[in-house]
Protein backbone atom coordinates (compact mmCIF):
# COMPACT_ATOMS: atom_id res chain seq x y z
CA MET A 1 -7.86 -3.55 -9.83
CA PHE A 2 -4.06 -3.28 -9.39
CA ASN A 3 -1.09 -5.29 -9.02
CA PRO A 4 1.90 -4.57 -6.66
CA CYS A 5 4.88 -4.09 -8.70
CA ASN A 6 7.67 -7.04 -8.22
CA GLN A 7 10.44 -4.32 -8.37
CA GLY A 8 12.06 -3.96 -4.90
CA LYS A 9 11.57 0.30 -5.09
CA CYS A 10 8.43 0.07 -6.37
CA GLN A 11 7.55 -2.57 -3.49
CA VAL A 12 8.42 -0.25 -0.76
CA GLY A 13 6.29 2.43 -2.02
CA LEU A 14 3.20 0.42 -2.27
CA ALA A 15 3.42 -1.58 0.54
CA TRP A 16 3.95 1.71 2.33
CA ALA A 17 0.92 3.62 0.75
CA MET A 18 -1.19 0.78 1.72
CA LEU A 19 -0.16 0.36 5.36
CA PHE A 20 1.21 4.06 6.08
CA SER A 21 -1.78 5.77 4.62
CA GLY A 22 -3.97 5.06 7.68
CA ALA A 23 -1.37 4.90 10.04
CA LEU A 24 0.24 8.44 9.37
CA SER A 25 -2.62 10.36 7.75
CA VAL A 26 -3.24 10.67 4.10
CA GLY A 27 -1.06 13.44 2.90
CA GLY A 28 -1.84 14.98 6.66
CA CYS A 29 -5.25 16.60 5.95
CA ALA A 30 -7.83 14.32 4.89
CA SER A 31 -10.81 13.37 7.20
CA THR A 32 -11.97 10.37 8.37
CA GLU A 33 -15.06 11.05 7.54
CA PRO A 34 -16.88 10.64 4.15
CA LYS A 35 -16.34 13.66 2.11
CA ASP A 36 -19.19 16.06 1.53
CA LEU A 37 -20.93 15.72 -2.00
CA GLY A 38 -23.20 18.82 -1.21
CA THR A 39 -25.83 16.24 -0.92
CA THR A 40 -27.77 15.68 2.48
CA ASN A 41 -29.94 12.59 1.53
CA ILE A 42 -27.00 9.95 0.95
CA ALA A 43 -27.19 7.11 3.51
CA ALA A 44 -24.21 6.77 6.03
CA PRO A 45 -22.17 3.79 4.92
CA LYS A 46 -22.84 0.43 6.43
CA THR A 47 -20.77 -1.18 8.71
CA SER A 48 -18.34 -4.11 6.68
CA PRO A 49 -18.17 -7.26 8.15
CA VAL A 50 -14.53 -7.30 8.29
CA ASP A 51 -14.52 -4.32 10.10
CA PRO A 52 -16.42 -4.73 13.00
CA TYR A 53 -14.44 -2.30 15.13
CA GLU A 54 -14.78 0.49 12.80
CA GLY A 55 -15.58 3.38 15.26
CA PHE A 56 -12.04 2.25 17.32
CA ASN A 57 -10.14 2.03 13.90
CA ARG A 58 -11.62 5.26 12.75
CA SER A 59 -10.39 7.12 15.80
CA MET A 60 -6.99 5.83 15.32
CA TYR A 61 -6.91 6.57 11.71
CA SER A 62 -7.75 10.50 13.43
CA PHE A 63 -4.78 10.17 15.87
CA ASN A 64 -2.37 8.80 13.24
CA MET A 65 -3.47 11.51 11.01
CA GLY A 66 -2.87 14.31 13.39
CA LEU A 67 0.69 12.46 13.98
CA ASP A 68 1.71 12.56 10.43
CA LYS A 69 0.32 16.28 10.18
CA TYR A 70 2.47 17.93 12.65
CA LEU A 71 5.67 15.42 13.09
CA LEU A 72 6.00 12.97 10.50
CA LYS A 73 5.41 14.69 7.46
CA PRO A 74 7.41 17.52 8.37
CA VAL A 75 10.40 15.53 9.27
CA ALA A 76 10.19 13.58 6.00
CA ASP A 77 10.14 16.69 4.24
CA GLY A 78 13.19 18.11 5.81
CA TYR A 79 14.62 14.82 4.91
CA LYS A 80 13.82 14.58 1.15
CA PHE A 81 15.19 18.56 1.30
CA ILE A 82 18.59 17.34 2.07
CA THR A 83 19.17 14.24 0.90
CA PRO A 84 20.33 13.70 -2.92
CA ASP A 85 18.09 11.46 -4.63
CA PHE A 86 20.68 9.09 -5.57
CA MET A 87 21.22 8.63 -1.54
CA GLU A 88 17.48 8.01 -0.99
CA THR A 89 17.57 5.49 -3.42
CA GLY A 90 20.13 3.81 -1.85
CA VAL A 91 18.76 3.96 1.57
CA THR A 92 15.93 2.42 0.15
CA ASN A 93 17.57 -0.64 -1.19
CA PHE A 94 19.94 -1.15 1.55
CA PHE A 95 16.51 -1.53 3.73
CA THR A 96 14.76 -3.42 1.08
CA ASN A 97 17.74 -5.97 0.99
CA LEU A 98 17.75 -6.85 4.87
CA LYS A 99 14.00 -7.48 4.26
CA GLY A 100 15.40 -10.41 1.56
CA ILE A 101 16.16 -12.51 4.73
CA ASN A 102 12.42 -12.40 6.00
CA VAL A 103 11.64 -13.39 2.15
CA VAL A 104 13.55 -16.09 2.19
CA LEU A 105 12.63 -17.78 5.08
CA ASN A 106 9.04 -17.50 4.18
CA ASP A 107 9.28 -18.88 0.69
CA PHE A 108 10.52 -21.80 2.35
CA LEU A 109 8.13 -22.12 4.88
CA GLN A 110 5.65 -21.78 2.11
CA GLY A 111 7.17 -24.42 0.41
CA LYS A 112 8.14 -22.36 -2.39
CA VAL A 113 11.18 -24.09 -2.99
CA SER A 114 12.66 -22.93 -6.54
CA GLN A 115 11.57 -18.97 -5.43
CA GLY A 116 13.31 -19.70 -1.90
CA ALA A 117 16.34 -20.36 -4.06
CA SER A 118 16.14 -17.38 -6.47
CA ASP A 119 15.44 -14.98 -3.63
CA THR A 120 18.56 -16.38 -1.63
CA GLY A 121 20.41 -15.66 -4.78
CA ARG A 122 19.27 -12.48 -5.09
CA PHE A 123 19.82 -11.23 -1.25
CA LEU A 124 23.43 -12.90 -1.68
CA THR A 125 24.04 -11.26 -5.12
CA ASN A 126 22.77 -7.37 -3.63
CA SER A 127 24.63 -7.89 -0.39
CA THR A 128 27.98 -8.58 -1.75
CA ILE A 129 28.25 -6.66 -5.32
CA GLY A 130 25.56 -4.69 -4.38
CA LEU A 131 27.87 -3.19 -1.58
CA LEU A 132 25.23 -4.30 1.49
CA GLY A 133 22.15 -3.38 -0.49
CA LEU A 134 22.95 -0.03 -1.42
CA PHE A 135 22.75 -1.00 -5.30
CA ASP A 136 19.82 -3.03 -6.79
CA VAL A 137 22.61 -5.15 -9.03
CA ALA A 138 19.93 -8.39 -8.62
CA SER A 139 17.41 -6.34 -10.58
CA ASP A 140 19.54 -5.31 -13.43
CA LEU A 141 20.40 -9.29 -14.04
CA GLY A 142 17.07 -10.09 -14.09
CA MET A 143 16.67 -11.49 -10.72
CA GLN A 144 12.97 -10.89 -9.70
CA SER A 145 11.89 -9.53 -6.34
CA ASN A 146 8.95 -10.92 -4.15
CA VAL A 147 7.04 -10.34 -1.07
CA GLU A 148 6.61 -12.91 1.34
CA ASP A 149 6.19 -12.28 5.08
CA PHE A 150 4.76 -14.35 7.81
CA GLY A 151 1.22 -12.94 7.37
CA GLN A 152 1.72 -14.72 4.26
CA THR A 153 2.92 -17.74 5.62
CA LEU A 154 0.23 -18.20 8.23
CA ALA A 155 -2.55 -17.41 5.52
CA VAL A 156 -1.22 -20.24 3.73
CA TRP A 157 -1.51 -22.57 6.74
CA GLY A 158 -4.73 -21.90 6.84
CA VAL A 159 -5.15 -18.92 9.32
CA ASP A 160 -7.94 -16.48 8.91
CA GLN A 161 -7.05 -12.76 8.80
CA GLY A 162 -9.43 -12.09 11.24
CA ALA A 163 -10.82 -8.31 12.00
CA TYR A 164 -9.44 -5.36 10.17
CA LEU A 165 -7.83 -3.33 12.67
CA VAL A 166 -5.69 0.54 12.77
CA LEU A 167 -3.11 0.71 15.66
CA PRO A 168 -1.20 3.69 16.80
CA ILE A 169 1.84 4.72 14.76
CA LEU A 170 2.01 1.23 13.49
CA GLY A 171 -1.27 1.91 10.99
CA PRO A 172 -3.84 -0.99 9.22
CA THR A 173 -3.36 -4.53 9.93
CA THR A 174 -5.44 -7.95 10.98
CA VAL A 175 -5.22 -9.92 14.07
CA ARG A 176 -3.23 -12.70 11.81
CA ASP A 177 -1.27 -9.76 9.89
CA GLY A 178 -0.59 -8.11 13.00
CA SER A 179 0.44 -11.12 15.46
CA ALA A 180 2.76 -12.42 12.03
CA SER A 181 4.49 -8.86 11.99
CA ILE A 182 6.08 -9.91 15.83
CA LEU A 183 7.83 -12.59 14.01
CA ASP A 184 8.74 -10.21 11.08
CA ARG A 185 10.68 -7.73 12.66
CA ALA A 186 12.34 -10.70 15.06
CA ALA A 187 13.72 -11.94 12.14
CA ASN A 188 15.02 -8.44 10.11
CA PRO A 189 18.48 -7.85 11.61
CA SER A 190 17.98 -3.98 11.35
CA THR A 191 15.71 -4.53 14.09
CA TYR A 192 18.71 -4.92 16.82
CA VAL A 193 20.73 -1.78 15.60
CA PRO A 194 18.96 1.02 17.25
CA GLY A 195 18.13 3.85 15.44
CA THR A 196 17.39 1.83 11.89
CA GLY A 197 13.86 1.77 12.57
CA ILE A 198 13.67 5.91 12.91
CA VAL A 199 15.49 6.34 9.53
CA GLU A 200 13.51 3.51 7.75
CA GLY A 201 10.37 4.84 8.68
CA ILE A 202 11.67 8.29 7.50
CA ASN A 203 12.93 7.11 4.46
CA ASP A 204 9.56 5.09 3.38
CA ARG A 205 7.10 7.78 4.59
CA ALA A 206 9.18 9.87 2.48
CA ASN A 207 8.86 7.36 -1.03
CA ALA A 208 5.25 7.42 0.20
CA GLU A 209 4.16 11.31 -0.33
CA GLY A 210 2.93 11.02 -3.81
CA ALA A 211 0.47 7.96 -3.38
CA LEU A 212 -0.69 9.25 0.28
CA ASN A 213 -1.29 12.53 -1.53
CA PHE A 214 -3.38 10.67 -4.18
CA ILE A 215 -5.32 8.94 -2.06
CA ASP A 216 -6.68 12.39 0.12
CA GLU A 217 -7.61 13.92 -3.15
CA ALA A 218 -9.21 10.79 -4.97
CA ALA A 219 -11.12 9.12 -2.48
CA LEU A 220 -15.04 9.90 -1.32
CA ASP A 221 -13.68 8.76 2.07
CA PRO A 222 -9.79 7.61 2.81
CA TYR A 223 -10.63 5.80 5.88
CA VAL A 224 -12.70 3.19 3.44
CA PHE A 225 -10.47 3.83 0.12
CA THR A 226 -7.77 2.38 2.45
CA ARG A 227 -9.15 -0.22 4.42
CA GLU A 228 -10.19 -1.85 1.10
CA SER A 229 -6.73 -1.17 -0.52
CA PHE A 230 -5.21 -2.74 2.17
CA LEU A 231 -6.98 -5.57 2.42
CA GLN A 232 -7.06 -6.31 -1.46
CA TYR A 233 -3.38 -5.31 -1.64
CA ARG A 234 -2.80 -8.00 1.17
CA GLN A 235 -5.11 -10.62 -0.40
CA ASN A 236 -2.99 -10.24 -3.80
CA LEU A 237 0.11 -11.04 -2.09
CA VAL A 238 -1.37 -14.32 -0.33
CA ASN A 239 -2.67 -15.41 -3.85
CA ASP A 240 0.76 -14.55 -5.13
CA GLY A 241 -1.04 -12.02 -7.79
CA LYS A 242 -3.61 -14.63 -9.23
CA HIS A 243 -7.16 -13.02 -9.19
CA SER A 244 -9.90 -15.30 -7.18
CA ALA A 245 -13.33 -14.56 -7.50
CA GLU A 246 -14.10 -15.13 -3.58
CA THR A 247 -11.32 -12.75 -2.87
CA TYR A 248 -12.45 -10.06 -4.81
CA ASP A 249 -15.91 -10.69 -4.09
CA ILE A 250 -17.54 -7.02 -4.62
CA ASP A 251 -21.51 -6.53 -4.77
CA VAL A 252 -21.52 -3.67 -7.31
CA ASP A 253 -25.58 -3.30 -6.78
CA SER A 254 -24.92 -3.05 -2.67
CA ALA A 255 -21.94 -0.16 -3.78
CA ILE A 256 -24.40 1.49 -5.94
CA GLU A 257 -27.29 1.36 -3.30
CA ASP A 258 -25.24 2.50 -0.53
CA GLU A 259 -23.70 5.34 -2.22
CA THR A 260 -27.13 6.36 -3.82
CA SER A 261 -30.27 5.85 -1.67
CA PRO A 262 -31.68 8.70 0.28
CA ALA A 263 -32.00 8.35 4.62
CA LYS A 264 -35.54 7.23 4.22
CA PRO A 265 -36.94 3.43 4.06
CA ALA A 266 -36.12 1.69 0.55
CA LYS A 267 -38.51 1.15 -1.65
CA ALA A 268 -39.01 -2.44 -2.77
CA MET A 269 -36.59 -3.78 -5.86
CA ASP A 270 -37.67 -5.64 -8.71
CA LYS A 271 -35.42 -8.11 -10.22
CA SER A 272 -34.38 -5.37 -12.80
CA ASN A 273 -33.07 -3.33 -9.69
CA ARG A 274 -35.56 -0.38 -10.41
CA PRO A 275 -38.21 0.43 -7.67
CA ALA A 276 -41.24 -1.75 -7.77
CA GLY A 277 -44.38 -0.25 -9.96
CA THR A 278 -41.81 1.88 -12.07
CA SER A 279 -41.21 2.07 -15.66
CA SER A 280 -37.60 1.43 -16.87
CA VAL A 281 -37.42 4.78 -18.74
CA GLY A 282 -38.04 6.25 -15.01
CA PRO A 283 -34.72 8.59 -13.55
CA GLN A 284 -31.35 7.55 -14.64
CA SER A 285 -29.27 10.71 -12.69
CA SER A 286 -29.00 8.48 -9.31
CA LEU A 287 -27.84 5.52 -11.61
CA LYS A 288 -25.83 7.48 -13.39
CA SER A 289 -24.12 9.10 -10.68
CA ALA A 290 -22.79 5.75 -9.09
CA THR A 291 -21.91 4.04 -11.81
CA ASP A 292 -19.62 7.26 -12.52
CA SER A 293 -18.87 6.82 -8.66
CA VAL A 294 -17.79 3.26 -9.21
CA ALA A 295 -15.84 3.97 -12.26
CA THR A 296 -13.82 6.84 -10.74
CA LYS A 297 -12.94 4.25 -7.72
CA ALA A 298 -11.75 2.08 -10.69
CA ASP A 299 -9.51 4.12 -12.20
CA ALA A 300 -8.45 5.39 -8.72
CA PHE A 301 -6.52 2.16 -8.40
CA ASP A 302 -5.23 2.16 -12.50
CA ASN A 303 -3.62 6.20 -11.64
CA MET A 304 -2.16 4.58 -8.50
CA SER A 305 -0.45 1.68 -10.13
CA GLN A 306 1.26 4.49 -12.77
CA SER A 307 2.08 6.67 -10.05
CA PHE A 308 4.54 4.22 -8.83
CA GLU A 309 5.51 3.33 -12.08
CA LYS A 310 6.45 6.73 -12.28
CA ALA A 311 8.22 6.66 -9.21
CA GLU A 312 10.31 3.71 -10.15
CA SER A 313 11.40 5.30 -13.39
CA GLN A 314 12.83 8.35 -11.45
CA PHE A 315 14.46 5.66 -9.04
CA GLU A 316 15.97 4.46 -11.81
CA GLN A 317 16.69 8.08 -13.08
CA ALA A 318 18.63 8.69 -9.79
CA ALA A 319 20.62 5.58 -10.08
CA ALA A 320 21.70 6.88 -13.96
CA LYS A 321 22.63 9.97 -12.16
CA MET A 322 24.88 7.51 -9.61
CA ASP A 323 26.56 6.13 -11.79
CA GLU A 324 27.38 9.32 -13.91
CA LEU A 325 29.06 10.78 -10.92
CA SER A 326 30.81 7.65 -9.95
CA SER A 327 32.23 8.02 -13.79
CA LYS A 328 33.04 11.75 -13.39
CA LYS A 329 34.98 10.76 -9.95
CA LYS A 330 36.96 8.09 -11.94
CA LEU A 331 38.21 10.51 -14.72
CA ARG A 332 39.33 13.11 -12.08
CA ARG A 333 41.52 10.53 -10.49
CA LYS A 334 42.99 9.48 -13.97
CA ARG A 335 43.95 13.06 -14.43
CA ARG A 336 45.40 13.55 -11.48
């Protein structure tokens, strides 16, 4: 399991990876079907109770992947090629700071008065000293960055998340979060400035390149990986990072059975989780394969977290370069 980072730039990458991987491909080349492992006796995955519209969702996932492959990814690659790193960092900081208005509103709507006051101070600091948010001064001063939105507020108010959905262009969401996103957009000032949404989308897509490629390479079924990651990420935000057995109720035995059972009537299992009438020294290859698969998925989350930490380090290096350029300009002015 991974925890979303609390740094502004890292949050953008993580949120975009979860939200955009379903909407705008996973590197633009992943299949919506589970990857072929060279075997023919693996049963088809069962439909998840949180994803009753999986057929529709997979179709939308495939559509969004094609859109990303032929349009959005090339545009994002061009943006990264022509835009200096420090400028990309500034753009990311700017849009992250604008979302601070949503964060403050939802802090108070959820009754988090102390956090609301802290986030208000963070927003005002970056909007003034940080030059409209281009510089993340608040983080340097030790002010924690939080993620709050109207979807989380509805969850706190007791609204159920509803079915998982993949929408054209917008990507993965739930009935609750999809409805709440209308309020999120209404509260964001950039919504009312033509063209800013396009710039923000391109910048976020460029920042998410590494994470999306990771999902494409690591997941046996990128669609399922994206769905489970998104739902757990959202629950993590709702619970403020606190682990909940109810939230993360994963049936490992069922997962192993789904991964390894052949496409034929399953044999009865005794209490030791082996076919009835067999000894405990039976073939272990299937169980080992399933265990490795579960371990691989756990490692995938850890690796994703590490990738974002690396991205955050790169952002800090870019900020340092920008400070260095600023210092050189001041020296040149003095010499003149």
